[in-house]
Amino acid sequence: MAGGQILGIAESSIGADRCELRLEGELDLWSVERLQAVLQRVARDNSGVVVGLQSCEFVDSTGIALFLQVRRQLEAEGGRLVLYGCSDQVRRIFEVAGLIDAGMVFDSRDTAIAELASVS
């Protein structure tokens, strides 16, 4: 099988130096490069990045690795990457990968955005 559905990425500004991405579909080996290009660009231009996953049905290890890589990159510059709105399936994947314990995943958009506000 050559990958699931095409990954949709909606991008919007949520204030000065803050950006929100909303993902739709599946984040896997076949779609991760597209997200990587967008995440790298928004991480260059913003110190806070929020990623909404309400419409993302699946995230594999390549997606997890990308989120961790961009998080490290942002934190090295005093920024932050947070995720919110995971389905139960995606949340379980993140739990196993340690993202929940890392304080990177939030239940609601408001909570995730509030977390960014705590970053200078």
PDB file of N, CA and C in Angstrom:
ATOM      1  N   MET A   1       0.844  -1.187   0.000  1.00  0.00           N
ATOM      2  CA  MET A   1       0.000   0.000   0.000  1.00  0.00           C
ATOM      3  C   MET A   1       0.884   1.243   0.000  1.00  0.00           C
ATOM      4  N   ALA A   2       0.597   2.177  -0.861  1.00  0.00           N
ATOM      5  CA  ALA A   2       1.441   3.370  -0.997  1.00  0.00           C
ATOM      6  C   ALA A   2       0.914   4.534  -0.183  1.00  0.00           C
ATOM      7  N   GLY A   3       0.659   4.309   1.092  1.00  0.00           N
ATOM      8  CA  GLY A   3       0.260   5.388   1.980  1.00  0.00           C
ATOM      9  C   GLY A   3      -1.241   5.572   2.032  1.00  0.00           C
ATOM     10  N   GLY A   4      -1.708   6.201   3.087  1.00  0.00           N
ATOM     11  CA  GLY A   4      -3.130   6.452   3.280  1.00  0.00           C
ATOM     12  C   GLY A   4      -3.564   7.681   2.503  1.00  0.00           C
ATOM     13  N   GLN A   5      -4.518   8.385   3.075  1.00  0.00           N
ATOM     14  CA  GLN A   5      -5.010   9.576   2.394  1.00  0.00           C
ATOM     15  C   GLN A   5      -3.974  10.687   2.456  1.00  0.00           C
ATOM     16  N   ILE A   6      -4.124  11.647   1.572  1.00  0.00           N
ATOM     17  CA  ILE A   6      -3.231  12.808   1.539  1.00  0.00           C
ATOM     18  C   ILE A   6      -3.390  13.581   2.848  1.00  0.00           C
ATOM     19  N   LEU A   7      -2.269  14.021   3.394  1.00  0.00           N
ATOM     20  CA  LEU A   7      -2.307  14.799   4.626  1.00  0.00           C
ATOM     21  C   LEU A   7      -2.657  16.243   4.299  1.00  0.00           C
ATOM     22  N   GLY A   8      -3.745  16.724   4.898  1.00  0.00           N
ATOM     23  CA  GLY A   8      -4.119  18.128   4.744  1.00  0.00           C
ATOM     24  C   GLY A   8      -3.470  18.949   5.851  1.00  0.00           C
ATOM     25  N   ILE A   9      -2.944  20.120   5.491  1.00  0.00           N
ATOM     26  CA  ILE A   9      -2.307  21.002   6.462  1.00  0.00           C
ATOM     27  C   ILE A   9      -2.891  22.393   6.305  1.00  0.00           C
ATOM     28  N   ALA A  10      -3.632  22.857   7.320  1.00  0.00           N
ATOM     29  CA  ALA A  10      -4.160  24.222   7.317  1.00  0.00           C
ATOM     30  C   ALA A  10      -3.311  25.051   8.267  1.00  0.00           C
ATOM     31  N   GLU A  11      -2.914  26.222   7.823  1.00  0.00           N
ATOM     32  CA  GLU A  11      -1.999  27.063   8.592  1.00  0.00           C
ATOM     33  C   GLU A  11      -2.660  28.403   8.894  1.00  0.00           C
ATOM     34  N   SER A  12      -2.542  28.875  10.130  1.00  0.00           N
ATOM     35  CA  SER A  12      -3.072  30.200  10.461  1.00  0.00           C
ATOM     36  C   SER A  12      -2.236  30.840  11.563  1.00  0.00           C
ATOM     37  N   SER A  13      -2.215  32.162  11.546  1.00  0.00           N
ATOM     38  CA  SER A  13      -1.521  32.909  12.596  1.00  0.00           C
ATOM     39  C   SER A  13      -2.470  33.033  13.781  1.00  0.00           C
ATOM     40  N   ILE A  14      -1.942  32.871  14.984  1.00  0.00           N
ATOM     41  CA  ILE A  14      -2.777  33.033  16.179  1.00  0.00           C
ATOM     42  C   ILE A  14      -2.174  34.093  17.095  1.00  0.00           C
ATOM     43  N   GLY A  15      -1.543  35.091  16.472  1.00  0.00           N
ATOM     44  CA  GLY A  15      -0.958  36.179  17.240  1.00  0.00           C
ATOM     45  C   GLY A  15       0.493  36.384  16.862  1.00  0.00           C
ATOM     46  N   ALA A  16       1.089  37.387  17.485  1.00  0.00           N
ATOM     47  CA  ALA A  16       2.477  37.717  17.185  1.00  0.00           C
ATOM     48  C   ALA A  16       3.380  36.529  17.488  1.00  0.00           C
ATOM     49  N   ASP A  17       4.131  36.108  16.483  1.00  0.00           N
ATOM     50  CA  ASP A  17       5.129  35.058  16.687  1.00  0.00           C
ATOM     51  C   ASP A  17       4.524  33.702  17.052  1.00  0.00           C
ATOM     52  N   ARG A  18       3.231  33.511  16.718  1.00  0.00           N
ATOM     53  CA  ARG A  18       2.534  32.257  17.027  1.00  0.00           C
ATOM     54  C   ARG A  18       1.834  31.745  15.772  1.00  0.00           C
ATOM     55  N   CYS A  19       1.875  30.445  15.576  1.00  0.00           N
ATOM     56  CA  CYS A  19       1.254  29.849  14.392  1.00  0.00           C
ATOM     57  C   CYS A  19       0.526  28.571  14.789  1.00  0.00           C
ATOM     58  N   GLU A  20      -0.589  28.305  14.122  1.00  0.00           N
ATOM     59  CA  GLU A  20      -1.316  27.065  14.345  1.00  0.00           C
ATOM     60  C   GLU A  20      -1.387  26.284  13.044  1.00  0.00           C
ATOM     61  N   LEU A  21      -1.111  24.995  13.139  1.00  0.00           N
ATOM     62  CA  LEU A  21      -1.307  24.075  12.019  1.00  0.00           C
ATOM     63  C   LEU A  21      -2.393  23.094  12.421  1.00  0.00           C
ATOM     64  N   ARG A  22      -3.292  22.797  11.502  1.00  0.00           N
ATOM     65  CA  ARG A  22      -4.301  21.759  11.749  1.00  0.00           C
ATOM     66  C   ARG A  22      -4.093  20.679  10.700  1.00  0.00           C
ATOM     67  N   LEU A  23      -3.917  19.460  11.194  1.00  0.00           N
ATOM     68  CA  LEU A  23      -3.644  18.338  10.291  1.00  0.00           C
ATOM     69  C   LEU A  23      -4.903  17.519  10.078  1.00  0.00           C
ATOM     70  N   GLU A  24      -5.048  17.019   8.864  1.00  0.00           N
ATOM     71  CA  GLU A  24      -6.184  16.170   8.527  1.00  0.00           C
ATOM     72  C   GLU A  24      -5.688  14.997   7.696  1.00  0.00           C
ATOM     73  N   GLY A  25      -6.052  13.788   8.125  1.00  0.00           N
ATOM     74  CA  GLY A  25      -5.630  12.595   7.392  1.00  0.00           C
ATOM     75  C   GLY A  25      -4.670  11.762   8.216  1.00  0.00           C
ATOM     76  N   GLU A  26      -3.652  11.239   7.560  1.00  0.00           N
ATOM     77  CA  GLU A  26      -2.690  10.363   8.221  1.00  0.00           C
ATOM     78  C   GLU A  26      -1.285  10.919   8.083  1.00  0.00           C
ATOM     79  N   LEU A  27      -0.582  10.954   9.196  1.00  0.00           N
ATOM     80  CA  LEU A  27       0.815  11.397   9.200  1.00  0.00           C
ATOM     81  C   LEU A  27       1.678  10.149   9.258  1.00  0.00           C
ATOM     82  N   ASP A  28       2.282   9.824   8.119  1.00  0.00           N
ATOM     83  CA  ASP A  28       3.082   8.605   8.041  1.00  0.00           C
ATOM     84  C   ASP A  28       4.290   8.853   7.145  1.00  0.00           C
ATOM     85  N   LEU A  29       4.999   7.789   6.852  1.00  0.00           N
ATOM     86  CA  LEU A  29       6.218   7.863   6.049  1.00  0.00           C
ATOM     87  C   LEU A  29       6.009   8.599   4.729  1.00  0.00           C
ATOM     88  N   TRP A  30       4.806   8.456   4.151  1.00  0.00           N
ATOM     89  CA  TRP A  30       4.547   9.042   2.844  1.00  0.00           C
ATOM     90  C   TRP A  30       4.170  10.513   2.927  1.00  0.00           C
ATOM     91  N   SER A  31       3.745  10.986   4.076  1.00  0.00           N
ATOM     92  CA  SER A  31       3.295  12.382   4.181  1.00  0.00           C
ATOM     93  C   SER A  31       4.192  13.234   5.069  1.00  0.00           C
ATOM     94  N   VAL A  32       5.132  12.607   5.758  1.00  0.00           N
ATOM     95  CA  VAL A  32       5.919  13.337   6.756  1.00  0.00           C
ATOM     96  C   VAL A  32       6.803  14.410   6.124  1.00  0.00           C
ATOM     97  N   GLU A  33       7.296  14.182   4.922  1.00  0.00           N
ATOM     98  CA  GLU A  33       8.178  15.176   4.285  1.00  0.00           C
ATOM     99  C   GLU A  33       7.447  16.482   4.032  1.00  0.00           C
ATOM    100  N   ARG A  34       6.185  16.375   3.626  1.00  0.00           N
ATOM    101  CA  ARG A  34       5.378  17.570   3.364  1.00  0.00           C
ATOM    102  C   ARG A  34       5.198  18.368   4.651  1.00  0.00           C
ATOM    103  N   LEU A  35       4.861  17.679   5.739  1.00  0.00           N
ATOM    104  CA  LEU A  35       4.687  18.368   7.020  1.00  0.00           C
ATOM    105  C   LEU A  35       6.015  18.931   7.509  1.00  0.00           C
ATOM    106  N   GLN A  36       7.087  18.192   7.275  1.00  0.00           N
ATOM    107  CA  GLN A  36       8.402  18.651   7.724  1.00  0.00           C
ATOM    108  C   GLN A  36       8.737  20.000   7.087  1.00  0.00           C
ATOM    109  N   ALA A  37       8.467  20.145   5.789  1.00  0.00           N
ATOM    110  CA  ALA A  37       8.759  21.407   5.096  1.00  0.00           C
ATOM    111  C   ALA A  37       7.964  22.553   5.711  1.00  0.00           C
ATOM    112  N   VAL A  38       6.685  22.317   5.999  1.00  0.00           N
ATOM    113  CA  VAL A  38       5.834  23.361   6.583  1.00  0.00           C
ATOM    114  C   VAL A  38       6.283  23.674   8.013  1.00  0.00           C
ATOM    115  N   LEU A  39       6.513  22.629   8.818  1.00  0.00           N
ATOM    116  CA  LEU A  39       6.921  22.839  10.212  1.00  0.00           C
ATOM    117  C   LEU A  39       8.255  23.576  10.307  1.00  0.00           C
ATOM    118  N   GLN A  40       9.206  23.216   9.463  1.00  0.00           N
ATOM    119  CA  GLN A  40      10.509  23.885   9.482  1.00  0.00           C
ATOM    120  C   GLN A  40      10.344  25.368   9.171  1.00  0.00           C
ATOM    121  N   ARG A  41       9.493  25.673   8.196  1.00  0.00           N
ATOM    122  CA  ARG A  41       9.276  27.069   7.816  1.00  0.00           C
ATOM    123  C   ARG A  41       8.599  27.847   8.945  1.00  0.00           C
ATOM    124  N   VAL A  42       7.519  27.292   9.521  1.00  0.00           N
ATOM    125  CA  VAL A  42       6.826  28.040  10.573  1.00  0.00           C
ATOM    126  C   VAL A  42       7.678  28.134  11.837  1.00  0.00           C
ATOM    127  N   ALA A  43       8.520  27.131  12.085  1.00  0.00           N
ATOM    128  CA  ALA A  43       9.399  27.184  13.258  1.00  0.00           C
ATOM    129  C   ALA A  43      10.473  28.257  13.091  1.00  0.00           C
ATOM    130  N   ARG A  44      10.854  28.542  11.851  1.00  0.00           N
ATOM    131  CA  ARG A  44      11.807  29.623  11.587  1.00  0.00           C
ATOM    132  C   ARG A  44      11.184  30.984  11.863  1.00  0.00           C
ATOM    133  N   ASP A  45       9.887  31.114  11.533  1.00  0.00           N
ATOM    134  CA  ASP A  45       9.216  32.410  11.600  1.00  0.00           C
ATOM    135  C   ASP A  45       8.448  32.657  12.901  1.00  0.00           C
ATOM    136  N   ASN A  46       8.273  31.629  13.732  1.00  0.00           N
ATOM    137  CA  ASN A  46       7.460  31.743  14.948  1.00  0.00           C
ATOM    138  C   ASN A  46       8.170  31.083  16.116  1.00  0.00           C
ATOM    139  N   SER A  47       7.961  31.622  17.322  1.00  0.00           N
ATOM    140  CA  SER A  47       8.550  30.964  18.493  1.00  0.00           C
ATOM    141  C   SER A  47       7.569  29.970  19.101  1.00  0.00           C
ATOM    142  N   GLY A  48       6.288  30.129  18.799  1.00  0.00           N
ATOM    143  CA  GLY A  48       5.283  29.205  19.318  1.00  0.00           C
ATOM    144  C   GLY A  48       4.500  28.568  18.186  1.00  0.00           C
ATOM    145  N   VAL A  49       4.447  27.232  18.189  1.00  0.00           N
ATOM    146  CA  VAL A  49       3.703  26.510  17.161  1.00  0.00           C
ATOM    147  C   VAL A  49       2.755  25.530  17.844  1.00  0.00           C
ATOM    148  N   VAL A  50       1.471  25.623  17.479  1.00  0.00           N
ATOM    149  CA  VAL A  50       0.432  24.735  17.995  1.00  0.00           C
ATOM    150  C   VAL A  50      -0.015  23.849  16.838  1.00  0.00           C
ATOM    151  N   VAL A  51      -0.099  22.541  17.075  1.00  0.00           N
ATOM    152  CA  VAL A  51      -0.553  21.622  16.030  1.00  0.00           C
ATOM    153  C   VAL A  51      -1.830  20.927  16.498  1.00  0.00           C
ATOM    154  N   GLY A  52      -2.911  21.145  15.755  1.00  0.00           N
ATOM    155  CA  GLY A  52      -4.196  20.527  16.051  1.00  0.00           C
ATOM    156  C   GLY A  52      -4.334  19.211  15.311  1.00  0.00           C
ATOM    157  N   LEU A  53      -4.709  18.180  16.062  1.00  0.00           N
ATOM    158  CA  LEU A  53      -4.752  16.831  15.479  1.00  0.00           C
ATOM    159  C   LEU A  53      -6.152  16.205  15.510  1.00  0.00           C
ATOM    160  N   GLN A  54      -7.207  17.028  15.666  1.00  0.00           N
ATOM    161  CA  GLN A  54      -8.553  16.463  15.764  1.00  0.00           C
ATOM    162  C   GLN A  54      -8.933  15.622  14.558  1.00  0.00           C
ATOM    163  N   SER A  55      -8.450  15.997  13.385  1.00  0.00           N
ATOM    164  CA  SER A  55      -8.822  15.291  12.153  1.00  0.00           C
ATOM    165  C   SER A  55      -7.706  14.395  11.637  1.00  0.00           C
ATOM    166  N   CYS A  56      -6.708  14.156  12.482  1.00  0.00           N
ATOM    167  CA  CYS A  56      -5.581  13.294  12.108  1.00  0.00           C
ATOM    168  C   CYS A  56      -5.832  11.913  12.711  1.00  0.00           C
ATOM    169  N   GLU A  57      -6.064  10.924  11.849  1.00  0.00           N
ATOM    170  CA  GLU A  57      -6.443   9.590  12.340  1.00  0.00           C
ATOM    171  C   GLU A  57      -5.268   8.728  12.774  1.00  0.00           C
ATOM    172  N   PHE A  58      -4.083   9.054  12.276  1.00  0.00           N
ATOM    173  CA  PHE A  58      -2.945   8.163  12.510  1.00  0.00           C
ATOM    174  C   PHE A  58      -1.650   8.953  12.477  1.00  0.00           C
ATOM    175  N   VAL A  59      -0.744   8.635  13.386  1.00  0.00           N
ATOM    176  CA  VAL A  59       0.602   9.206  13.371  1.00  0.00           C
ATOM    177  C   VAL A  59       1.567   8.052  13.601  1.00  0.00           C
ATOM    178  N   ASP A  60       2.546   7.891  12.711  1.00  0.00           N
ATOM    179  CA  ASP A  60       3.511   6.805  12.911  1.00  0.00           C
ATOM    180  C   ASP A  60       4.806   7.356  13.507  1.00  0.00           C
ATOM    181  N   SER A  61       5.810   6.508  13.600  1.00  0.00           N
ATOM    182  CA  SER A  61       7.057   6.886  14.274  1.00  0.00           C
ATOM    183  C   SER A  61       7.779   8.028  13.561  1.00  0.00           C
ATOM    184  N   THR A  62       7.614   8.142  12.224  1.00  0.00           N
ATOM    185  CA  THR A  62       8.272   9.239  11.518  1.00  0.00           C
ATOM    186  C   THR A  62       7.648  10.575  11.920  1.00  0.00           C
ATOM    187  N   GLY A  63       6.337  10.574  12.137  1.00  0.00           N
ATOM    188  CA  GLY A  63       5.655  11.794  12.591  1.00  0.00           C
ATOM    189  C   GLY A  63       6.079  12.172  13.997  1.00  0.00           C
ATOM    190  N   ILE A  64       6.178  11.187  14.871  1.00  0.00           N
ATOM    191  CA  ILE A  64       6.624  11.432  16.244  1.00  0.00           C
ATOM    192  C   ILE A  64       8.041  11.995  16.243  1.00  0.00           C
ATOM    193  N   ALA A  65       8.916  11.402  15.456  1.00  0.00           N
ATOM    194  CA  ALA A  65      10.300  11.874  15.376  1.00  0.00           C
ATOM    195  C   ALA A  65      10.346  13.316  14.879  1.00  0.00           C
ATOM    196  N   LEU A  66       9.495  13.652  13.911  1.00  0.00           N
ATOM    197  CA  LEU A  66       9.453  15.018  13.388  1.00  0.00           C
ATOM    198  C   LEU A  66       9.003  15.999  14.470  1.00  0.00           C
ATOM    199  N   PHE A  67       7.945  15.663  15.194  1.00  0.00           N
ATOM    200  CA  PHE A  67       7.471  16.549  16.269  1.00  0.00           C
ATOM    201  C   PHE A  67       8.568  16.772  17.311  1.00  0.00           C
ATOM    202  N   LEU A  68       9.276  15.708  17.673  1.00  0.00           N
ATOM    203  CA  LEU A  68      10.343  15.837  18.678  1.00  0.00           C
ATOM    204  C   LEU A  68      11.501  16.676  18.149  1.00  0.00           C
ATOM    205  N   GLN A  69      11.840  16.500  16.886  1.00  0.00           N
ATOM    206  CA  GLN A  69      12.934  17.260  16.268  1.00  0.00           C
ATOM    207  C   GLN A  69      12.602  18.754  16.252  1.00  0.00           C
ATOM    208  N   VAL A  70      11.395  19.098  15.825  1.00  0.00           N
ATOM    209  CA  VAL A  70      11.003  20.509  15.747  1.00  0.00           C
ATOM    210  C   VAL A  70      10.870  21.095  17.151  1.00  0.00           C
ATOM    211  N   ARG A  71      10.399  20.291  18.100  1.00  0.00           N
ATOM    212  CA  ARG A  71      10.300  20.765  19.480  1.00  0.00           C
ATOM    213  C   ARG A  71      11.688  21.140  20.012  1.00  0.00           C
ATOM    214  N   ARG A  72      12.660  20.255  19.787  1.00  0.00           N
ATOM    215  CA  ARG A  72      14.032  20.543  20.248  1.00  0.00           C
ATOM    216  C   ARG A  72      14.569  21.809  19.591  1.00  0.00           C
ATOM    217  N   GLN A  73      14.330  21.939  18.294  1.00  0.00           N
ATOM    218  CA  GLN A  73      14.789  23.100  17.538  1.00  0.00           C
ATOM    219  C   GLN A  73      14.181  24.392  18.117  1.00  0.00           C
ATOM    220  N   LEU A  74      12.877  24.394  18.376  1.00  0.00           N
ATOM    221  CA  LEU A  74      12.214  25.578  18.919  1.00  0.00           C
ATOM    222  C   LEU A  74      12.690  25.876  20.345  1.00  0.00           C
ATOM    223  N   GLU A  75      12.802  24.829  21.167  1.00  0.00           N
ATOM    224  CA  GLU A  75      13.198  25.045  22.556  1.00  0.00           C
ATOM    225  C   GLU A  75      14.621  25.566  22.663  1.00  0.00           C
ATOM    226  N   ALA A  76      15.470  25.195  21.713  1.00  0.00           N
ATOM    227  CA  ALA A  76      16.850  25.696  21.710  1.00  0.00           C
ATOM    228  C   ALA A  76      16.869  27.212  21.508  1.00  0.00           C
ATOM    229  N   GLU A  77      15.798  27.729  20.888  1.00  0.00           N
ATOM    230  CA  GLU A  77      15.698  29.169  20.641  1.00  0.00           C
ATOM    231  C   GLU A  77      14.683  29.823  21.569  1.00  0.00           C
ATOM    232  N   GLY A  78      14.295  29.125  22.641  1.00  0.00           N
ATOM    233  CA  GLY A  78      13.352  29.679  23.610  1.00  0.00           C
ATOM    234  C   GLY A  78      11.897  29.579  23.203  1.00  0.00           C
ATOM    235  N   GLY A  79      11.598  28.755  22.212  1.00  0.00           N
ATOM    236  CA  GLY A  79      10.230  28.610  21.725  1.00  0.00           C
ATOM    237  C   GLY A  79       9.579  27.330  22.215  1.00  0.00           C
ATOM    238  N   ARG A  80       8.434  27.009  21.612  1.00  0.00           N
ATOM    239  CA  ARG A  80       7.685  25.839  22.070  1.00  0.00           C
ATOM    240  C   ARG A  80       6.821  25.265  20.954  1.00  0.00           C
ATOM    241  N   LEU A  81       6.731  23.954  20.921  1.00  0.00           N
ATOM    242  CA  LEU A  81       5.803  23.240  20.039  1.00  0.00           C
ATOM    243  C   LEU A  81       4.869  22.441  20.927  1.00  0.00           C
ATOM    244  N   VAL A  82       3.553  22.606  20.732  1.00  0.00           N
ATOM    245  CA  VAL A  82       2.576  21.828  21.485  1.00  0.00           C
ATOM    246  C   VAL A  82       1.552  21.228  20.525  1.00  0.00           C
ATOM    247  N   LEU A  83       0.981  20.117  20.942  1.00  0.00           N
ATOM    248  CA  LEU A  83      -0.012  19.393  20.152  1.00  0.00           C
ATOM    249  C   LEU A  83      -1.304  19.334  20.945  1.00  0.00           C
ATOM    250  N   TYR A  84      -2.445  19.283  20.245  1.00  0.00           N
ATOM    251  CA  TYR A  84      -3.722  19.146  20.961  1.00  0.00           C
ATOM    252  C   TYR A  84      -4.737  18.403  20.097  1.00  0.00           C
ATOM    253  N   GLY A  85      -5.793  17.953  20.775  1.00  0.00           N
ATOM    254  CA  GLY A  85      -6.937  17.379  20.072  1.00  0.00           C
ATOM    255  C   GLY A  85      -6.713  15.995  19.494  1.00  0.00           C
ATOM    256  N   CYS A  86      -5.882  15.184  20.144  1.00  0.00           N
ATOM    257  CA  CYS A  86      -5.593  13.844  19.622  1.00  0.00           C
ATOM    258  C   CYS A  86      -6.791  12.911  19.794  1.00  0.00           C
ATOM    259  N   SER A  87      -6.996  12.065  18.807  1.00  0.00           N
ATOM    260  CA  SER A  87      -7.963  10.980  18.967  1.00  0.00           C
ATOM    261  C   SER A  87      -7.399   9.997  19.996  1.00  0.00           C
ATOM    262  N   ASP A  88      -8.239   9.106  20.487  1.00  0.00           N
ATOM    263  CA  ASP A  88      -7.775   8.109  21.465  1.00  0.00           C
ATOM    264  C   ASP A  88      -6.640   7.278  20.887  1.00  0.00           C
ATOM    265  N   GLN A  89      -6.758   6.913  19.604  1.00  0.00           N
ATOM    266  CA  GLN A  89      -5.733   6.080  18.965  1.00  0.00           C
ATOM    267  C   GLN A  89      -4.394   6.817  18.906  1.00  0.00           C
ATOM    268  N   VAL A  90      -4.428   8.076  18.473  1.00  0.00           N
ATOM    269  CA  VAL A  90      -3.194   8.851  18.368  1.00  0.00           C
ATOM    270  C   VAL A  90      -2.631   9.119  19.772  1.00  0.00           C
ATOM    271  N   ARG A  91      -3.514   9.390  20.728  1.00  0.00           N
ATOM    272  CA  ARG A  91      -3.062   9.637  22.104  1.00  0.00           C
ATOM    273  C   ARG A  91      -2.313   8.416  22.665  1.00  0.00           C
ATOM    274  N   ARG A  92      -2.829   7.224  22.367  1.00  0.00           N
ATOM    275  CA  ARG A  92      -2.145   5.995  22.834  1.00  0.00           C
ATOM    276  C   ARG A  92      -0.752   5.888  22.222  1.00  0.00           C
ATOM    277  N   ILE A  93      -0.638   6.210  20.947  1.00  0.00           N
ATOM    278  CA  ILE A  93       0.669   6.182  20.277  1.00  0.00           C
ATOM    279  C   ILE A  93       1.615   7.166  20.961  1.00  0.00           C
ATOM    280  N   PHE A  94       1.112   8.370  21.255  1.00  0.00           N
ATOM    281  CA  PHE A  94       1.922   9.394  21.912  1.00  0.00           C
ATOM    282  C   PHE A  94       2.309   8.990  23.334  1.00  0.00           C
ATOM    283  N   GLU A  95       1.401   8.298  24.037  1.00  0.00           N
ATOM    284  CA  GLU A  95       1.711   7.828  25.396  1.00  0.00           C
ATOM    285  C   GLU A  95       2.885   6.864  25.365  1.00  0.00           C
ATOM    286  N   VAL A  96       2.831   5.919  24.449  1.00  0.00           N
ATOM    287  CA  VAL A  96       3.903   4.927  24.322  1.00  0.00           C
ATOM    288  C   VAL A  96       5.223   5.616  23.982  1.00  0.00           C
ATOM    289  N   ALA A  97       5.150   6.666  23.142  1.00  0.00           N
ATOM    290  CA  ALA A  97       6.362   7.376  22.705  1.00  0.00           C
ATOM    291  C   ALA A  97       6.884   8.358  23.751  1.00  0.00           C
ATOM    292  N   GLY A  98       6.096   8.599  24.812  1.00  0.00           N
ATOM    293  CA  GLY A  98       6.536   9.497  25.877  1.00  0.00           C
ATOM    294  C   GLY A  98       6.210  10.964  25.649  1.00  0.00           C
ATOM    295  N   LEU A  99       5.416  11.279  24.633  1.00  0.00           N
ATOM    296  CA  LEU A  99       5.092  12.681  24.368  1.00  0.00           C
ATOM    297  C   LEU A  99       4.143  13.262  25.408  1.00  0.00           C
ATOM    298  N   ILE A 100       3.271  12.421  25.953  1.00  0.00           N
ATOM    299  CA  ILE A 100       2.327  12.897  26.975  1.00  0.00           C
ATOM    300  C   ILE A 100       3.118  13.328  28.210  1.00  0.00           C
ATOM    301  N   ASP A 101       4.024  12.461  28.659  1.00  0.00           N
ATOM    302  CA  ASP A 101       4.837  12.768  29.841  1.00  0.00           C
ATOM    303  C   ASP A 101       5.751  13.966  29.604  1.00  0.00           C
ATOM    304  N   ALA A 102       6.093  14.232  28.360  1.00  0.00           N
ATOM    305  CA  ALA A 102       6.999  15.337  28.039  1.00  0.00           C
ATOM    306  C   ALA A 102       6.287  16.691  28.100  1.00  0.00           C
ATOM    307  N   GLY A 103       4.982  16.689  28.397  1.00  0.00           N
ATOM    308  CA  GLY A 103       4.242  17.936  28.488  1.00  0.00           C
ATOM    309  C   GLY A 103       4.043  18.609  27.148  1.00  0.00           C
ATOM    310  N   MET A 104       3.896  17.794  26.131  1.00  0.00           N
ATOM    311  CA  MET A 104       3.807  18.298  24.765  1.00  0.00           C
ATOM    312  C   MET A 104       2.403  18.194  24.188  1.00  0.00           C
ATOM    313  N   VAL A 105       1.541  17.382  24.838  1.00  0.00           N
ATOM    314  CA  VAL A 105       0.222  17.079  24.287  1.00  0.00           C
ATOM    315  C   VAL A 105      -0.860  17.571  25.247  1.00  0.00           C
ATOM    316  N   PHE A 106      -1.812  18.321  24.697  1.00  0.00           N
ATOM    317  CA  PHE A 106      -2.887  18.891  25.505  1.00  0.00           C
ATOM    318  C   PHE A 106      -4.238  18.490  24.935  1.00  0.00           C
ATOM    319  N   ASP A 107      -5.255  18.481  25.806  1.00  0.00           N
ATOM    320  CA  ASP A 107      -6.583  18.047  25.373  1.00  0.00           C
ATOM    321  C   ASP A 107      -7.253  19.074  24.472  1.00  0.00           C
ATOM    322  N   SER A 108      -7.146  20.351  24.847  1.00  0.00           N
ATOM    323  CA  SER A 108      -7.902  21.360  24.111  1.00  0.00           C
ATOM    324  C   SER A 108      -6.992  22.397  23.459  1.00  0.00           C
ATOM    325  N   ARG A 109      -7.541  23.047  22.461  1.00  0.00           N
ATOM    326  CA  ARG A 109      -6.835  24.119  21.762  1.00  0.00           C
ATOM    327  C   ARG A 109      -6.502  25.247  22.735  1.00  0.00           C
ATOM    328  N   ASP A 110      -7.484  25.620  23.569  1.00  0.00           N
ATOM    329  CA  ASP A 110      -7.270  26.719  24.524  1.00  0.00           C
ATOM    330  C   ASP A 110      -6.130  26.423  25.482  1.00  0.00           C
ATOM    331  N   THR A 111      -6.071  25.193  25.980  1.00  0.00           N
ATOM    332  CA  THR A 111      -5.014  24.815  26.906  1.00  0.00           C
ATOM    333  C   THR A 111      -3.649  24.857  26.224  1.00  0.00           C
ATOM    334  N   ALA A 112      -3.611  24.377  24.986  1.00  0.00           N
ATOM    335  CA  ALA A 112      -2.352  24.372  24.231  1.00  0.00           C
ATOM    336  C   ALA A 112      -1.865  25.796  23.972  1.00  0.00           C
ATOM    337  N   ILE A 113      -2.795  26.673  23.575  1.00  0.00           N
ATOM    338  CA  ILE A 113      -2.424  28.060  23.296  1.00  0.00           C
ATOM    339  C   ILE A 113      -1.981  28.760  24.594  1.00  0.00           C
ATOM    340  N   ALA A 114      -2.667  28.459  25.697  1.00  0.00           N
ATOM    341  CA  ALA A 114      -2.278  29.038  26.996  1.00  0.00           C
ATOM    342  C   ALA A 114      -0.859  28.603  27.360  1.00  0.00           C
ATOM    343  N   GLU A 115      -0.509  27.376  27.009  1.00  0.00           N
ATOM    344  CA  GLU A 115       0.832  26.859  27.288  1.00  0.00           C
ATOM    345  C   GLU A 115       1.875  27.668  26.516  1.00  0.00           C
ATOM    346  N   LEU A 116       1.549  28.046  25.288  1.00  0.00           N
ATOM    347  CA  LEU A 116       2.464  28.886  24.509  1.00  0.00           C
ATOM    348  C   LEU A 116       2.641  30.250  25.147  1.00  0.00           C
ATOM    349  N   ALA A 117       1.573  30.757  25.741  1.00  0.00           N
ATOM    350  CA  ALA A 117       1.620  32.091  26.359  1.00  0.00           C
ATOM    351  C   ALA A 117       2.603  32.118  27.526  1.00  0.00           C
ATOM    352  N   SER A 118       2.888  30.948  28.087  1.00  0.00           N
ATOM    353  CA  SER A 118       3.824  30.883  29.220  1.00  0.00           C
ATOM    354  C   SER A 118       5.283  30.949  28.749  1.00  0.00           C
ATOM    355  N   VAL A 119       5.476  30.892  27.427  1.00  0.00           N
ATOM    356  CA  VAL A 119       6.820  31.001  26.861  1.00  0.00           C
ATOM    357  C   VAL A 119       7.051  32.457  26.469  1.00  0.00           C
ATOM    358  N   SER A 120       8.182  32.991  26.864  1.00  0.00           N
ATOM    359  CA  SER A 120       8.437  34.411  26.571  1.00  0.00           C
ATOM    360  C   SER A 120       8.651  34.642  25.088  1.00  0.00           C
TER     361      SER A 120
END
